[in-house]
PDB file of N, CA and C in Angstrom:
ATOM      1  N   MET A   1      -4.061  12.865   9.240  1.00  0.00           N
ATOM      2  CA  MET A   1      -3.216  12.876   8.067  1.00  0.00           C
ATOM      3  C   MET A   1      -2.481  11.550   7.922  1.00  0.00           C
ATOM      4  N   TYR A   2      -2.052  10.975   9.040  1.00  0.00           N
ATOM      5  CA  TYR A   2      -1.318   9.713   8.986  1.00  0.00           C
ATOM      6  C   TYR A   2      -2.174   8.623   8.355  1.00  0.00           C
ATOM      7  N   LEU A   3      -3.419   8.515   8.756  1.00  0.00           N
ATOM      8  CA  LEU A   3      -4.298   7.478   8.233  1.00  0.00           C
ATOM      9  C   LEU A   3      -4.568   7.668   6.742  1.00  0.00           C
ATOM     10  N   ILE A   4      -4.769   8.886   6.328  1.00  0.00           N
ATOM     11  CA  ILE A   4      -5.009   9.156   4.911  1.00  0.00           C
ATOM     12  C   ILE A   4      -3.770   8.799   4.088  1.00  0.00           C
ATOM     13  N   GLY A   5      -2.602   9.188   4.548  1.00  0.00           N
ATOM     14  CA  GLY A   5      -1.365   8.867   3.829  1.00  0.00           C
ATOM     15  C   GLY A   5      -1.107   7.376   3.774  1.00  0.00           C
ATOM     16  N   THR A   6      -1.394   6.686   4.852  1.00  0.00           N
ATOM     17  CA  THR A   6      -1.170   5.243   4.893  1.00  0.00           C
ATOM     18  C   THR A   6      -2.131   4.515   3.967  1.00  0.00           C
ATOM     19  N   THR A   7      -3.406   4.871   4.003  1.00  0.00           N
ATOM     20  CA  THR A   7      -4.355   4.208   3.107  1.00  0.00           C
ATOM     21  C   THR A   7      -4.062   4.547   1.646  1.00  0.00           C
ATOM     22  N   TYR A   8      -3.600   5.762   1.373  1.00  0.00           N
ATOM     23  CA  TYR A   8      -3.232   6.149   0.010  1.00  0.00           C
ATOM     24  C   TYR A   8      -2.115   5.248  -0.509  1.00  0.00           C
ATOM     25  N   ASN A   9      -1.141   4.954   0.316  1.00  0.00           N
ATOM     26  CA  ASN A   9       0.013   4.172  -0.123  1.00  0.00           C
ATOM     27  C   ASN A   9      -0.193   2.662  -0.061  1.00  0.00           C
ATOM     28  N   PHE A  10      -1.023   2.177   0.850  1.00  0.00           N
ATOM     29  CA  PHE A  10      -1.197   0.737   1.024  1.00  0.00           C
ATOM     30  C   PHE A  10      -2.494   0.193   0.432  1.00  0.00           C
ATOM     31  N   CYS A  11      -3.563   0.982   0.400  1.00  0.00           N
ATOM     32  CA  CYS A  11      -4.897   0.451   0.084  1.00  0.00           C
ATOM     33  C   CYS A  11      -5.447   0.837  -1.284  1.00  0.00           C
ATOM     34  N   TRP A  12      -4.977   1.902  -1.865  1.00  0.00           N
ATOM     35  CA  TRP A  12      -5.571   2.383  -3.107  1.00  0.00           C
ATOM     36  C   TRP A  12      -4.649   2.120  -4.286  1.00  0.00           C
ATOM     37  N   ALA A  13      -5.130   1.316  -5.234  1.00  0.00           N
ATOM     38  CA  ALA A  13      -4.359   1.052  -6.457  1.00  0.00           C
ATOM     39  C   ALA A  13      -4.320   2.331  -7.290  1.00  0.00           C
ATOM     40  N   HIS A  14      -3.188   2.588  -7.889  1.00  0.00           N
ATOM     41  CA  HIS A  14      -2.996   3.788  -8.691  1.00  0.00           C
ATOM     42  C   HIS A  14      -2.946   3.413 -10.166  1.00  0.00           C
ATOM     43  N   GLN A  15      -3.687   4.141 -10.983  1.00  0.00           N
ATOM     44  CA  GLN A  15      -3.812   3.824 -12.399  1.00  0.00           C
ATOM     45  C   GLN A  15      -2.455   3.819 -13.100  1.00  0.00           C
ATOM     46  N   GLU A  16      -1.625   4.800 -12.862  1.00  0.00           N
ATOM     47  CA  GLU A  16      -0.332   4.890 -13.551  1.00  0.00           C
ATOM     48  C   GLU A  16       0.585   3.723 -13.180  1.00  0.00           C
ATOM     49  N   LEU A  17       0.542   3.283 -11.931  1.00  0.00           N
ATOM     50  CA  LEU A  17       1.383   2.170 -11.498  1.00  0.00           C
ATOM     51  C   LEU A  17       0.861   0.829 -11.986  1.00  0.00           C
ATOM     52  N   SER A  18      -0.398   0.766 -12.407  1.00  0.00           N
ATOM     53  CA  SER A  18      -0.998  -0.485 -12.849  1.00  0.00           C
ATOM     54  C   SER A  18      -0.796  -0.744 -14.337  1.00  0.00           C
ATOM     55  N   LYS A  19      -0.109   0.145 -15.033  1.00  0.00           N
ATOM     56  CA  LYS A  19       0.138  -0.033 -16.469  1.00  0.00           C
ATOM     57  C   LYS A  19       1.213  -1.080 -16.699  1.00  0.00           C
ATOM     58  N   SER A  20       1.305  -1.543 -17.919  1.00  0.00           N
ATOM     59  CA  SER A  20       2.245  -2.613 -18.253  1.00  0.00           C
ATOM     60  C   SER A  20       3.705  -2.209 -18.059  1.00  0.00           C
ATOM     61  N   THR A  21       4.009  -0.922 -18.027  1.00  0.00           N
ATOM     62  CA  THR A  21       5.395  -0.498 -17.816  1.00  0.00           C
ATOM     63  C   THR A  21       5.850  -0.735 -16.386  1.00  0.00           C
ATOM     64  N   HIS A  22       4.908  -0.972 -15.478  1.00  0.00           N
ATOM     65  CA  HIS A  22       5.251  -1.232 -14.081  1.00  0.00           C
ATOM     66  C   HIS A  22       5.024  -2.699 -13.747  1.00  0.00           C
ATOM     67  N   MET A  23       3.893  -3.040 -13.191  1.00  0.00           N
ATOM     68  CA  MET A  23       3.656  -4.414 -12.745  1.00  0.00           C
ATOM     69  C   MET A  23       2.565  -5.117 -13.546  1.00  0.00           C
ATOM     70  N   ASP A  24       1.875  -4.426 -14.423  1.00  0.00           N
ATOM     71  CA  ASP A  24       0.835  -4.978 -15.278  1.00  0.00           C
ATOM     72  C   ASP A  24      -0.347  -5.562 -14.497  1.00  0.00           C
ATOM     73  N   ARG A  25      -0.591  -5.057 -13.290  1.00  0.00           N
ATOM     74  CA  ARG A  25      -1.748  -5.438 -12.478  1.00  0.00           C
ATOM     75  C   ARG A  25      -2.012  -4.299 -11.504  1.00  0.00           C
ATOM     76  N   ALA A  26      -3.124  -4.377 -10.780  1.00  0.00           N
ATOM     77  CA  ALA A  26      -3.428  -3.338  -9.800  1.00  0.00           C
ATOM     78  C   ALA A  26      -2.258  -3.204  -8.825  1.00  0.00           C
ATOM     79  N   CYS A  27      -1.793  -1.982  -8.621  1.00  0.00           N
ATOM     80  CA  CYS A  27      -0.565  -1.770  -7.867  1.00  0.00           C
ATOM     81  C   CYS A  27      -0.658  -0.506  -7.017  1.00  0.00           C
ATOM     82  N   THR A  28      -0.201  -0.613  -5.775  1.00  0.00           N
ATOM     83  CA  THR A  28      -0.125   0.542  -4.880  1.00  0.00           C
ATOM     84  C   THR A  28       1.325   1.033  -4.850  1.00  0.00           C
ATOM     85  N   PRO A  29       1.583   2.240  -4.346  1.00  0.00           N
ATOM     86  CA  PRO A  29       2.963   2.713  -4.253  1.00  0.00           C
ATOM     87  C   PRO A  29       3.863   1.795  -3.419  1.00  0.00           C
ATOM     88  N   THR A  30       3.333   1.209  -2.351  1.00  0.00           N
ATOM     89  CA  THR A  30       4.167   0.319  -1.531  1.00  0.00           C
ATOM     90  C   THR A  30       4.481  -0.974  -2.262  1.00  0.00           C
ATOM     91  N   MET A  31       3.590  -1.437  -3.123  1.00  0.00           N
ATOM     92  CA  MET A  31       3.884  -2.616  -3.938  1.00  0.00           C
ATOM     93  C   MET A  31       4.956  -2.285  -4.970  1.00  0.00           C
ATOM     94  N   ALA A  32       4.863  -1.110  -5.577  1.00  0.00           N
ATOM     95  CA  ALA A  32       5.857  -0.693  -6.565  1.00  0.00           C
ATOM     96  C   ALA A  32       7.233  -0.536  -5.919  1.00  0.00           C
ATOM     97  N   ALA A  33       7.260  -0.137  -4.652  1.00  0.00           N
ATOM     98  CA  ALA A  33       8.528   0.020  -3.937  1.00  0.00           C
ATOM     99  C   ALA A  33       9.050  -1.303  -3.387  1.00  0.00           C
ATOM    100  N   GLY A  34       8.259  -2.365  -3.473  1.00  0.00           N
ATOM    101  CA  GLY A  34       8.683  -3.670  -2.991  1.00  0.00           C
ATOM    102  C   GLY A  34       8.508  -3.870  -1.500  1.00  0.00           C
ATOM    103  N   LEU A  35       7.689  -3.050  -0.850  1.00  0.00           N
ATOM    104  CA  LEU A  35       7.484  -3.159   0.596  1.00  0.00           C
ATOM    105  C   LEU A  35       6.388  -4.150   0.968  1.00  0.00           C
ATOM    106  N   THR A  36       5.492  -4.442   0.044  1.00  0.00           N
ATOM    107  CA  THR A  36       4.414  -5.400   0.282  1.00  0.00           C
ATOM    108  C   THR A  36       4.074  -6.103  -1.025  1.00  0.00           C
ATOM    109  N   ASP A  37       3.379  -7.211  -0.930  1.00  0.00           N
ATOM    110  CA  ASP A  37       3.055  -7.974  -2.139  1.00  0.00           C
ATOM    111  C   ASP A  37       1.560  -8.001  -2.457  1.00  0.00           C
ATOM    112  N   HIS A  38       0.745  -7.259  -1.695  1.00  0.00           N
ATOM    113  CA  HIS A  38      -0.698  -7.238  -1.942  1.00  0.00           C
ATOM    114  C   HIS A  38      -1.284  -5.889  -1.543  1.00  0.00           C
ATOM    115  N   ILE A  39      -2.487  -5.633  -2.055  1.00  0.00           N
ATOM    116  CA  ILE A  39      -3.214  -4.425  -1.681  1.00  0.00           C
ATOM    117  C   ILE A  39      -3.859  -4.676  -0.325  1.00  0.00           C
ATOM    118  N   TRP A  40      -3.587  -3.815   0.626  1.00  0.00           N
ATOM    119  CA  TRP A  40      -4.113  -3.967   1.983  1.00  0.00           C
ATOM    120  C   TRP A  40      -5.533  -3.428   2.057  1.00  0.00           C
ATOM    121  N   SER A  41      -6.325  -3.993   2.951  1.00  0.00           N
ATOM    122  CA  SER A  41      -7.641  -3.424   3.246  1.00  0.00           C
ATOM    123  C   SER A  41      -7.451  -2.382   4.352  1.00  0.00           C
ATOM    124  N   VAL A  42      -8.411  -1.490   4.500  1.00  0.00           N
ATOM    125  CA  VAL A  42      -8.331  -0.485   5.562  1.00  0.00           C
ATOM    126  C   VAL A  42      -8.338  -1.176   6.921  1.00  0.00           C
ATOM    127  N   SER A  43      -9.114  -2.234   7.039  1.00  0.00           N
ATOM    128  CA  SER A  43      -9.157  -3.006   8.277  1.00  0.00           C
ATOM    129  C   SER A  43      -7.780  -3.580   8.607  1.00  0.00           C
ATOM    130  N   GLU A  44      -7.084  -4.071   7.607  1.00  0.00           N
ATOM    131  CA  GLU A  44      -5.741  -4.614   7.803  1.00  0.00           C
ATOM    132  C   GLU A  44      -4.774  -3.539   8.299  1.00  0.00           C
ATOM    133  N   VAL A  45      -4.881  -2.341   7.750  1.00  0.00           N
ATOM    134  CA  VAL A  45      -4.034  -1.222   8.182  1.00  0.00           C
ATOM    135  C   VAL A  45      -4.325  -0.867   9.639  1.00  0.00           C
ATOM    136  N   LEU A  46      -5.602  -0.805   9.992  1.00  0.00           N
ATOM    137  CA  LEU A  46      -5.986  -0.413  11.344  1.00  0.00           C
ATOM    138  C   LEU A  46      -5.612  -1.458  12.393  1.00  0.00           C
ATOM    139  N   GLN A  47      -5.533  -2.720  12.007  1.00  0.00           N
ATOM    140  CA  GLN A  47      -5.223  -3.790  12.935  1.00  0.00           C
ATOM    141  C   GLN A  47      -3.722  -4.110  13.012  1.00  0.00           C
ATOM    142  N   TYR A  48      -2.913  -3.479  12.170  1.00  0.00           N
ATOM    143  CA  TYR A  48      -1.486  -3.753  12.146  1.00  0.00           C
ATOM    144  C   TYR A  48      -0.834  -3.278  13.450  1.00  0.00           C
ATOM    145  N   LYS A  49      -0.059  -4.138  14.064  1.00  0.00           N
ATOM    146  CA  LYS A  49       0.601  -3.816  15.337  1.00  0.00           C
ATOM    147  C   LYS A  49       2.016  -3.320  15.054  1.00  0.00           C
ATOM    148  N   VAL A  50       2.322  -2.137  15.522  1.00  0.00           N
ATOM    149  CA  VAL A  50       3.649  -1.548  15.363  1.00  0.00           C
ATOM    150  C   VAL A  50       4.444  -1.842  16.627  1.00  0.00           C
ATOM    151  N   ALA A  51       5.672  -2.304  16.466  1.00  0.00           N
ATOM    152  CA  ALA A  51       6.508  -2.618  17.618  1.00  0.00           C
ATOM    153  C   ALA A  51       6.850  -1.338  18.391  1.00  0.00           C
ATOM    154  N   PRO A  52       6.850  -1.400  19.720  1.00  0.00           N
ATOM    155  CA  PRO A  52       7.204  -0.193  20.510  1.00  0.00           C
ATOM    156  C   PRO A  52       8.683   0.132  20.363  1.00  0.00           C
ATOM    157  N   LEU A  53       9.019   1.373  20.565  1.00  0.00           N
ATOM    158  CA  LEU A  53      10.415   1.801  20.492  1.00  0.00           C
ATOM    159  C   LEU A  53      11.212   1.180  21.649  1.00  0.00           C
ATOM    160  N   PRO A  54      12.482   0.862  21.411  1.00  0.00           N
ATOM    161  CA  PRO A  54      13.287   0.275  22.500  1.00  0.00           C
ATOM    162  C   PRO A  54      13.556   1.254  23.616  1.00  0.00           C
TER     163      PRO A  54
END
């Protein structure tokens, strides 16, 4: 479930968010929220290193 949710938010452009009322280009939910500036590839998501908890 984690992988599906992550790819949904980072890798797949959403039609409603890509309309001129939002960013007027292909846009993912994380781009609309200002968390990233590009559409990620699945490979990029899988290779991302998360810092360990302190």
